[in-house]
Amino acid sequence: MLREARERKHLTQDQLGEIIDKKRSFISRIENDASNMTLKTLYDIVEKGLGGKIKIQIDL
């Protein structure tokens, strides 16, 4: 989902990495499910980098 969103915004991994202060290799690992990320990193990518909104819902 993150890769598709980045591509829709016409951003390279390098450009997204610059926006959120992460390396291109980190963005690549995230997009290829080879790295775990914190909620803060997810927030940075989605809201700061891609201009989206995160909504988290917990149903018990």
N, C-alpha and C. Protein backbone atom coordinates (compact mmCIF):
# COMPACT_ATOMS: atom_id res chain seq x y z
N MET A 1 0.82 -1.20 0.00
CA MET A 1 0.00 0.00 0.00
C MET A 1 0.87 1.26 0.00
N LEU A 2 1.94 1.24 0.78
CA LEU A 2 2.79 2.42 0.86
C LEU A 2 3.49 2.69 -0.47
N ARG A 3 3.94 1.63 -1.14
CA ARG A 3 4.58 1.82 -2.44
C ARG A 3 3.60 2.41 -3.44
N GLU A 4 2.40 1.86 -3.48
CA GLU A 4 1.39 2.37 -4.42
C GLU A 4 1.08 3.83 -4.14
N ALA A 5 0.95 4.19 -2.87
CA ALA A 5 0.66 5.58 -2.51
C ALA A 5 1.82 6.49 -2.90
N ARG A 6 3.04 6.05 -2.67
CA ARG A 6 4.21 6.84 -3.05
C ARG A 6 4.26 7.06 -4.56
N GLU A 7 3.99 6.00 -5.30
CA GLU A 7 4.01 6.11 -6.76
C GLU A 7 2.90 7.01 -7.28
N ARG A 8 1.72 6.97 -6.64
CA ARG A 8 0.62 7.87 -7.04
C ARG A 8 1.00 9.33 -6.82
N LYS A 9 1.84 9.59 -5.83
CA LYS A 9 2.31 10.95 -5.55
C LYS A 9 3.51 11.34 -6.41
N HIS A 10 3.93 10.41 -7.27
CA HIS A 10 5.07 10.62 -8.17
C HIS A 10 6.35 10.95 -7.39
N LEU A 11 6.56 10.21 -6.30
CA LEU A 11 7.76 10.37 -5.48
C LEU A 11 8.65 9.15 -5.64
N THR A 12 9.94 9.37 -5.70
CA THR A 12 10.88 8.25 -5.65
C THR A 12 11.11 7.89 -4.19
N GLN A 13 11.73 6.75 -3.96
CA GLN A 13 12.09 6.38 -2.60
C GLN A 13 13.05 7.39 -2.01
N ASP A 14 13.97 7.90 -2.82
CA ASP A 14 14.90 8.93 -2.35
C ASP A 14 14.17 10.18 -1.91
N GLN A 15 13.21 10.63 -2.71
CA GLN A 15 12.47 11.85 -2.39
C GLN A 15 11.66 11.69 -1.11
N LEU A 16 10.97 10.56 -0.97
CA LEU A 16 10.21 10.31 0.25
C LEU A 16 11.14 10.24 1.45
N GLY A 17 12.27 9.57 1.29
CA GLY A 17 13.25 9.49 2.37
C GLY A 17 13.74 10.86 2.81
N GLU A 18 13.96 11.75 1.86
CA GLU A 18 14.40 13.11 2.21
C GLU A 18 13.33 13.84 3.02
N ILE A 19 12.08 13.68 2.64
CA ILE A 19 10.98 14.37 3.32
C ILE A 19 10.89 13.93 4.78
N ILE A 20 11.08 12.63 5.02
CA ILE A 20 10.90 12.12 6.39
C ILE A 20 12.24 11.83 7.09
N ASP A 21 13.33 12.22 6.46
CA ASP A 21 14.66 12.07 7.04
C ASP A 21 15.04 10.60 7.28
N LYS A 22 14.80 9.78 6.28
CA LYS A 22 15.20 8.37 6.30
C LYS A 22 15.93 8.06 5.00
N LYS A 23 16.74 7.01 5.00
CA LYS A 23 17.47 6.63 3.80
C LYS A 23 16.57 5.87 2.83
N ARG A 24 16.94 5.92 1.55
CA ARG A 24 16.18 5.21 0.53
C ARG A 24 16.12 3.72 0.83
N SER A 25 17.21 3.16 1.35
CA SER A 25 17.24 1.73 1.65
C SER A 25 16.21 1.37 2.72
N PHE A 26 15.96 2.27 3.67
CA PHE A 26 14.95 2.03 4.70
C PHE A 26 13.56 2.01 4.07
N ILE A 27 13.28 2.97 3.20
CA ILE A 27 11.98 3.01 2.51
C ILE A 27 11.79 1.74 1.70
N SER A 28 12.83 1.29 1.03
CA SER A 28 12.76 0.06 0.25
C SER A 28 12.43 -1.14 1.13
N ARG A 29 13.09 -1.24 2.28
CA ARG A 29 12.82 -2.36 3.19
C ARG A 29 11.38 -2.33 3.68
N ILE A 30 10.88 -1.14 4.00
CA ILE A 30 9.48 -1.01 4.45
C ILE A 30 8.53 -1.47 3.35
N GLU A 31 8.77 -1.00 2.13
CA GLU A 31 7.88 -1.34 1.02
C GLU A 31 7.92 -2.82 0.67
N ASN A 32 9.01 -3.48 0.96
CA ASN A 32 9.15 -4.89 0.62
C ASN A 32 8.96 -5.81 1.83
N ASP A 33 8.36 -5.27 2.89
CA ASP A 33 8.04 -6.05 4.09
C ASP A 33 9.25 -6.70 4.75
N ALA A 34 10.42 -6.12 4.55
CA ALA A 34 11.61 -6.71 5.14
C ALA A 34 12.03 -5.98 6.42
N SER A 35 11.23 -5.03 6.86
CA SER A 35 11.59 -4.26 8.05
C SER A 35 10.34 -3.89 8.82
N ASN A 36 10.44 -3.99 10.13
CA ASN A 36 9.36 -3.52 10.99
C ASN A 36 9.50 -2.02 11.15
N MET A 37 8.40 -1.35 11.46
CA MET A 37 8.48 0.08 11.70
C MET A 37 7.63 0.45 12.89
N THR A 38 7.95 1.56 13.49
CA THR A 38 7.18 2.06 14.62
C THR A 38 5.96 2.81 14.09
N LEU A 39 5.01 3.07 14.99
CA LEU A 39 3.85 3.88 14.60
C LEU A 39 4.28 5.28 14.20
N LYS A 40 5.32 5.80 14.85
CA LYS A 40 5.82 7.13 14.50
C LYS A 40 6.34 7.15 13.07
N THR A 41 7.07 6.11 12.69
CA THR A 41 7.58 6.04 11.31
C THR A 41 6.43 5.93 10.32
N LEU A 42 5.42 5.12 10.64
CA LEU A 42 4.25 5.02 9.78
C LEU A 42 3.57 6.37 9.65
N TYR A 43 3.42 7.08 10.77
CA TYR A 43 2.85 8.43 10.76
C TYR A 43 3.68 9.35 9.87
N ASP A 44 5.00 9.34 10.03
CA ASP A 44 5.87 10.20 9.23
C ASP A 44 5.70 9.91 7.74
N ILE A 45 5.70 8.64 7.37
CA ILE A 45 5.57 8.28 5.96
C ILE A 45 4.22 8.72 5.41
N VAL A 46 3.14 8.35 6.09
CA VAL A 46 1.80 8.60 5.56
C VAL A 46 1.42 10.07 5.65
N GLU A 47 1.57 10.68 6.81
CA GLU A 47 1.07 12.04 7.00
C GLU A 47 2.06 13.11 6.54
N LYS A 48 3.32 12.98 6.90
CA LYS A 48 4.31 13.98 6.49
C LYS A 48 4.75 13.77 5.05
N GLY A 49 5.05 12.52 4.72
CA GLY A 49 5.62 12.23 3.40
C GLY A 49 4.61 12.16 2.27
N LEU A 50 3.45 11.57 2.55
CA LEU A 50 2.48 11.34 1.48
C LEU A 50 1.23 12.22 1.59
N GLY A 51 1.11 12.97 2.67
CA GLY A 51 -0.04 13.86 2.82
C GLY A 51 -1.35 13.16 3.12
N GLY A 52 -1.28 11.95 3.67
CA GLY A 52 -2.48 11.20 4.00
C GLY A 52 -2.83 11.30 5.47
N LYS A 53 -3.77 10.49 5.89
CA LYS A 53 -4.22 10.43 7.28
C LYS A 53 -4.20 8.98 7.74
N ILE A 54 -3.79 8.77 8.98
CA ILE A 54 -3.83 7.44 9.58
C ILE A 54 -5.00 7.37 10.52
N LYS A 55 -5.76 6.29 10.39
CA LYS A 55 -6.86 6.02 11.31
C LYS A 55 -6.64 4.63 11.88
N ILE A 56 -6.54 4.54 13.19
CA ILE A 56 -6.35 3.24 13.84
C ILE A 56 -7.60 2.92 14.63
N GLN A 57 -8.10 1.70 14.43
CA GLN A 57 -9.31 1.28 15.14
C GLN A 57 -9.03 -0.04 15.83
N ILE A 58 -9.46 -0.13 17.06
CA ILE A 58 -9.33 -1.36 17.82
C ILE A 58 -10.73 -1.81 18.23
N ASP A 59 -11.09 -3.01 17.84
CA ASP A 59 -12.37 -3.59 18.23
C ASP A 59 -12.10 -4.78 19.13
N LEU A 60 -12.71 -4.77 20.29
CA LEU A 60 -12.54 -5.89 21.22
C LEU A 60 -13.84 -6.63 21.39
